[in-house]
Protein backbone atom coordinates (compact mmCIF):
# COMPACT_ATOMS: atom_id res chain seq x y z
CA MET A 1 129.95 27.12 50.17
CA PRO A 2 128.97 24.31 51.24
CA HIS A 3 125.60 24.62 52.88
CA PHE A 4 124.43 21.80 55.42
CA VAL A 5 120.64 22.31 56.20
CA ILE A 6 119.42 19.85 58.77
CA ASP A 7 115.77 19.09 59.05
CA CYS A 8 114.58 17.23 62.21
CA SER A 9 111.76 16.49 64.45
CA GLN A 10 111.15 19.01 67.29
CA GLN A 11 112.36 16.26 69.76
CA ILE A 12 115.87 16.17 68.25
CA ILE A 13 116.36 19.66 69.56
CA GLU A 14 115.09 18.94 72.86
CA LEU A 15 117.71 16.18 73.25
CA LYS A 16 120.57 18.28 72.28
CA SER A 17 120.93 21.91 71.78
CA PRO A 18 120.71 23.05 67.90
CA GLU A 19 124.26 24.64 68.57
CA ASN A 20 125.65 21.35 69.44
CA ILE A 21 124.20 19.54 66.35
CA MET A 22 125.15 22.10 64.07
CA GLN A 23 128.82 22.25 65.53
CA LYS A 24 128.94 18.29 65.17
CA VAL A 25 128.00 18.67 61.29
CA TYR A 26 130.25 21.54 60.91
CA ASP A 27 133.27 19.70 62.57
CA THR A 28 132.59 16.66 60.63
CA ALA A 29 132.52 18.48 57.20
CA GLU A 30 135.76 20.52 58.07
CA SER A 31 137.46 17.22 59.03
CA THR A 32 137.13 15.87 55.60
CA GLY A 33 139.38 18.64 54.32
CA LEU A 34 137.01 19.05 51.32
CA PHE A 35 136.03 22.51 52.41
CA ALA A 36 137.60 25.84 53.76
CA PRO A 37 136.56 26.22 57.41
CA ASP A 38 135.26 29.74 56.60
CA ASP A 39 133.13 28.52 53.66
CA ILE A 40 130.94 25.92 55.71
CA LYS A 41 127.53 27.01 56.58
CA VAL A 42 125.09 25.01 58.79
CA ARG A 43 121.44 25.73 59.46
CA ILE A 44 118.80 23.61 61.34
CA ASN A 45 114.97 23.40 60.88
CA SER A 46 112.96 21.73 63.52
CA PHE A 47 109.41 20.41 62.76
CA GLN A 48 106.48 19.93 64.91
CA HIS A 49 104.25 18.90 62.33
CA TYR A 50 105.38 15.81 60.14
CA THR A 51 104.85 12.28 59.21
CA VAL A 52 107.36 9.53 58.68
CA GLY A 53 105.83 6.64 57.29
CA ASN A 54 102.48 7.67 58.91
CA THR A 55 104.12 7.80 62.15
CA LYS A 56 105.49 10.42 64.46
CA ALA A 57 109.09 8.73 64.59
CA ASP A 58 112.07 11.09 65.20
CA PHE A 59 114.22 11.84 62.30
CA ILE A 60 117.23 13.69 61.19
CA HIS A 61 117.88 14.46 57.52
CA VAL A 62 120.82 16.68 56.26
CA PHE A 63 120.72 18.35 52.82
CA ALA A 64 124.06 19.19 51.77
CA ASN A 65 124.51 21.35 48.82
CA ILE A 66 128.21 21.68 47.77
CA MET A 67 130.14 23.23 44.75
CA GLN A 68 130.61 20.67 41.92
CA GLY A 69 133.98 19.15 41.71
CA ARG A 70 134.12 16.39 44.35
CA ASN A 71 133.93 13.02 43.26
CA THR A 72 131.65 10.28 44.15
CA GLU A 73 134.03 8.68 46.60
CA GLN A 74 134.57 12.02 48.41
CA LYS A 75 130.74 12.72 48.75
CA ALA A 76 130.11 9.13 49.88
CA LYS A 77 132.55 9.33 52.51
CA LEU A 78 131.39 12.64 53.50
CA SER A 79 127.86 11.29 53.69
CA LYS A 80 129.04 8.43 55.93
CA GLN A 81 130.95 10.58 58.18
CA ILE A 82 128.24 12.80 58.90
CA VAL A 83 125.54 10.06 59.50
CA THR A 84 128.17 8.16 61.67
CA GLU A 85 128.72 11.23 63.88
CA LEU A 86 124.93 12.01 64.15
CA LYS A 87 124.18 8.33 64.86
CA ALA A 88 126.79 8.52 67.74
CA MET A 89 125.11 11.58 69.12
CA PHE A 90 121.49 10.14 68.85
CA PRO A 91 121.74 6.19 69.01
CA GLU A 92 118.06 6.24 69.88
CA VAL A 93 116.75 8.11 66.78
CA PRO A 94 115.59 5.64 63.91
CA ILE A 95 116.03 7.71 60.87
CA ILE A 96 119.19 9.79 60.30
CA SER A 97 120.09 10.31 56.62
CA ILE A 98 121.86 12.83 54.27
CA ASN A 99 121.70 13.60 50.59
CA ILE A 100 124.41 15.68 48.77
CA ARG A 101 123.56 17.92 45.77
CA ASP A 102 126.09 19.70 43.73
CA PHE A 103 125.71 23.40 42.69
CA GLU A 104 127.02 24.03 39.36
CA LYS A 105 129.68 26.76 39.16
CA ALA A 106 127.99 28.41 35.99
CA THR A 107 124.76 29.16 37.48
CA TYR A 108 125.86 29.96 41.16
CA CYS A 109 125.76 33.51 42.22
CA ASN A 110 126.14 35.35 45.45
CA LYS A 111 126.32 38.98 46.67
CA ALA A 112 130.26 39.05 46.34
CA MET A 113 130.19 38.08 42.80
CA ILE A 114 127.89 40.97 41.67
């Protein structure tokens, strides 16, 4: 935990490698001190077929799923830091966003817990 899933237009991974994009999100999440480095997971999905306001504008959206327990201020800071870093990496991309969702400890399960 946490999981950062990056959705983006296909053009994004043609501008920068998926590895570089994922590393930027990883490094930014790690720099907050909110997560153990070995727990951070990052994935990327690029899309050829999409619409953004009935256009084909490039976009990046990060879905951050984290274990409950961080306060609103910490989550807001994480959001702003990730968007800031992606904006610096992709100044020409018009849409860069993130949302953070909390996992509930009571309902979360993984293989190691069985």
